[in-house]
């Protein structure tokens, strides 16, 4: 288990988690949001990876 900085490809797992929480059509929104956050110098997006699964 470990916390790390998110990378661009993490949008897929984040979108999957939101779909499980019944948020519809999150793919493009999350992809765009992750791209935006990664470009911002005053923002940091972190993910927790546990047993090959992502948690927010």
N, C-alpha and C. Protein backbone atom coordinates (compact mmCIF):
# COMPACT_ATOMS: atom_id res chain seq x y z
N UNK A 1 0.85 -1.17 0.00
CA UNK A 1 0.00 0.00 0.00
C UNK A 1 0.89 1.23 0.00
N UNK A 2 0.50 2.22 -0.79
CA UNK A 2 1.28 3.43 -0.81
C UNK A 2 0.54 4.58 -1.46
N UNK A 3 0.84 5.76 -0.98
CA UNK A 3 0.30 6.98 -1.56
C UNK A 3 1.34 7.51 -2.53
N UNK A 4 0.88 7.91 -3.69
CA UNK A 4 1.79 8.47 -4.68
C UNK A 4 1.08 9.56 -5.46
N UNK A 5 1.88 10.35 -6.16
CA UNK A 5 1.31 11.36 -7.04
C UNK A 5 0.61 10.66 -8.20
N UNK A 6 -0.52 11.19 -8.56
CA UNK A 6 -1.27 10.63 -9.68
C UNK A 6 -0.55 10.92 -10.99
N UNK A 7 -0.78 10.07 -11.96
CA UNK A 7 -0.30 10.36 -13.31
C UNK A 7 -1.50 10.35 -14.25
N UNK A 8 -1.28 10.71 -15.48
CA UNK A 8 -2.38 10.90 -16.42
C UNK A 8 -3.22 9.64 -16.60
N UNK A 9 -2.61 8.48 -16.58
CA UNK A 9 -3.34 7.23 -16.80
C UNK A 9 -4.26 6.86 -15.63
N UNK A 10 -4.12 7.50 -14.49
CA UNK A 10 -4.97 7.19 -13.33
C UNK A 10 -6.42 7.58 -13.53
N UNK A 11 -6.71 8.42 -14.53
CA UNK A 11 -8.10 8.83 -14.75
C UNK A 11 -9.00 7.62 -14.98
N UNK A 12 -8.47 6.56 -15.56
CA UNK A 12 -9.28 5.37 -15.84
C UNK A 12 -9.79 4.73 -14.55
N UNK A 13 -8.92 4.58 -13.57
CA UNK A 13 -9.32 3.97 -12.30
C UNK A 13 -10.23 4.90 -11.50
N UNK A 14 -9.94 6.20 -11.56
CA UNK A 14 -10.79 7.16 -10.85
C UNK A 14 -12.20 7.16 -11.44
N UNK A 15 -12.27 7.13 -12.76
CA UNK A 15 -13.57 7.08 -13.42
C UNK A 15 -14.32 5.80 -13.06
N UNK A 16 -13.61 4.70 -13.01
CA UNK A 16 -14.23 3.43 -12.65
C UNK A 16 -14.81 3.48 -11.23
N UNK A 17 -14.07 4.08 -10.31
CA UNK A 17 -14.57 4.21 -8.93
C UNK A 17 -15.83 5.08 -8.89
N UNK A 18 -15.83 6.17 -9.64
CA UNK A 18 -17.01 7.04 -9.67
C UNK A 18 -18.21 6.34 -10.29
N UNK A 19 -17.99 5.51 -11.29
CA UNK A 19 -19.07 4.74 -11.88
C UNK A 19 -19.66 3.78 -10.85
N UNK A 20 -18.81 3.16 -10.05
CA UNK A 20 -19.29 2.26 -9.00
C UNK A 20 -20.14 3.01 -7.98
N UNK A 21 -19.85 4.31 -7.80
CA UNK A 21 -20.64 5.14 -6.89
C UNK A 21 -21.85 5.75 -7.58
N UNK A 22 -22.13 5.27 -8.80
CA UNK A 22 -23.30 5.64 -9.59
C UNK A 22 -23.27 7.07 -10.12
N UNK A 23 -22.06 7.58 -10.36
CA UNK A 23 -21.93 8.84 -11.07
C UNK A 23 -21.83 8.49 -12.55
N UNK A 24 -22.75 8.94 -13.37
CA UNK A 24 -22.76 8.53 -14.79
C UNK A 24 -21.78 9.35 -15.63
N UNK A 25 -21.30 8.74 -16.69
CA UNK A 25 -20.54 9.42 -17.74
C UNK A 25 -19.38 10.27 -17.21
N UNK A 26 -18.50 9.67 -16.45
CA UNK A 26 -17.41 10.43 -15.85
C UNK A 26 -16.12 10.38 -16.66
N UNK A 27 -16.06 9.56 -17.69
CA UNK A 27 -14.79 9.32 -18.38
C UNK A 27 -14.13 10.60 -18.88
N UNK A 28 -14.80 11.34 -19.73
CA UNK A 28 -14.17 12.54 -20.30
C UNK A 28 -13.96 13.62 -19.25
N UNK A 29 -14.92 13.79 -18.35
CA UNK A 29 -14.79 14.79 -17.29
C UNK A 29 -13.55 14.53 -16.45
N UNK A 30 -13.38 13.28 -15.99
CA UNK A 30 -12.25 12.95 -15.12
C UNK A 30 -10.94 13.04 -15.88
N UNK A 31 -10.91 12.58 -17.10
CA UNK A 31 -9.68 12.68 -17.89
C UNK A 31 -9.25 14.14 -18.01
N UNK A 32 -10.20 15.02 -18.35
CA UNK A 32 -9.88 16.45 -18.46
C UNK A 32 -9.46 17.04 -17.13
N UNK A 33 -10.14 16.65 -16.06
CA UNK A 33 -9.82 17.19 -14.73
C UNK A 33 -8.42 16.76 -14.27
N UNK A 34 -8.09 15.50 -14.48
CA UNK A 34 -6.75 15.02 -14.10
C UNK A 34 -5.69 15.76 -14.90
N UNK A 35 -5.90 15.93 -16.19
CA UNK A 35 -4.94 16.68 -17.02
C UNK A 35 -4.75 18.09 -16.47
N UNK A 36 -5.85 18.74 -16.15
CA UNK A 36 -5.79 20.11 -15.62
C UNK A 36 -5.04 20.16 -14.30
N UNK A 37 -5.38 19.28 -13.38
CA UNK A 37 -4.74 19.28 -12.07
C UNK A 37 -3.25 18.98 -12.15
N UNK A 38 -2.86 18.10 -13.06
CA UNK A 38 -1.45 17.76 -13.19
C UNK A 38 -0.62 18.92 -13.76
N UNK A 39 -1.26 19.81 -14.50
CA UNK A 39 -0.55 20.96 -15.06
C UNK A 39 -0.44 22.12 -14.07
N UNK A 40 -1.29 22.12 -13.05
CA UNK A 40 -1.29 23.20 -12.06
C UNK A 40 -0.15 23.01 -11.06
N UNK A 41 0.64 24.03 -10.88
CA UNK A 41 1.77 23.93 -9.94
C UNK A 41 1.32 24.05 -8.48
N UNK A 42 0.16 24.62 -8.24
CA UNK A 42 -0.31 24.78 -6.87
C UNK A 42 -1.32 23.71 -6.45
N UNK A 43 -1.46 22.66 -7.26
CA UNK A 43 -2.37 21.55 -6.96
C UNK A 43 -1.57 20.25 -6.92
N UNK A 44 -2.06 19.31 -6.11
CA UNK A 44 -1.44 18.00 -6.08
C UNK A 44 -2.55 16.95 -6.00
N UNK A 45 -2.50 16.00 -6.89
CA UNK A 45 -3.48 14.92 -6.94
C UNK A 45 -2.77 13.65 -6.52
N UNK A 46 -3.29 13.01 -5.47
CA UNK A 46 -2.68 11.81 -4.93
C UNK A 46 -3.62 10.62 -5.06
N UNK A 47 -3.05 9.44 -5.18
CA UNK A 47 -3.83 8.21 -5.19
C UNK A 47 -3.22 7.24 -4.19
N UNK A 48 -4.07 6.40 -3.66
CA UNK A 48 -3.65 5.35 -2.74
C UNK A 48 -3.80 4.03 -3.47
N UNK A 49 -2.72 3.31 -3.58
CA UNK A 49 -2.76 2.01 -4.25
C UNK A 49 -2.60 0.94 -3.19
N UNK A 50 -3.59 0.06 -3.14
CA UNK A 50 -3.61 -1.01 -2.15
C UNK A 50 -3.92 -2.32 -2.86
N UNK A 51 -3.00 -3.25 -2.79
CA UNK A 51 -3.19 -4.58 -3.38
C UNK A 51 -3.65 -4.48 -4.83
N UNK A 52 -2.92 -3.69 -5.61
CA UNK A 52 -3.19 -3.52 -7.04
C UNK A 52 -4.53 -2.87 -7.34
N UNK A 53 -5.12 -2.22 -6.35
CA UNK A 53 -6.38 -1.50 -6.55
C UNK A 53 -6.20 -0.08 -6.07
N UNK A 54 -6.93 0.83 -6.67
CA UNK A 54 -6.83 2.23 -6.31
C UNK A 54 -7.97 2.63 -5.39
N UNK A 55 -7.64 3.45 -4.41
CA UNK A 55 -8.63 4.00 -3.50
C UNK A 55 -8.46 5.51 -3.50
N UNK A 56 -9.54 6.24 -3.34
CA UNK A 56 -9.47 7.69 -3.26
C UNK A 56 -9.72 8.12 -1.84
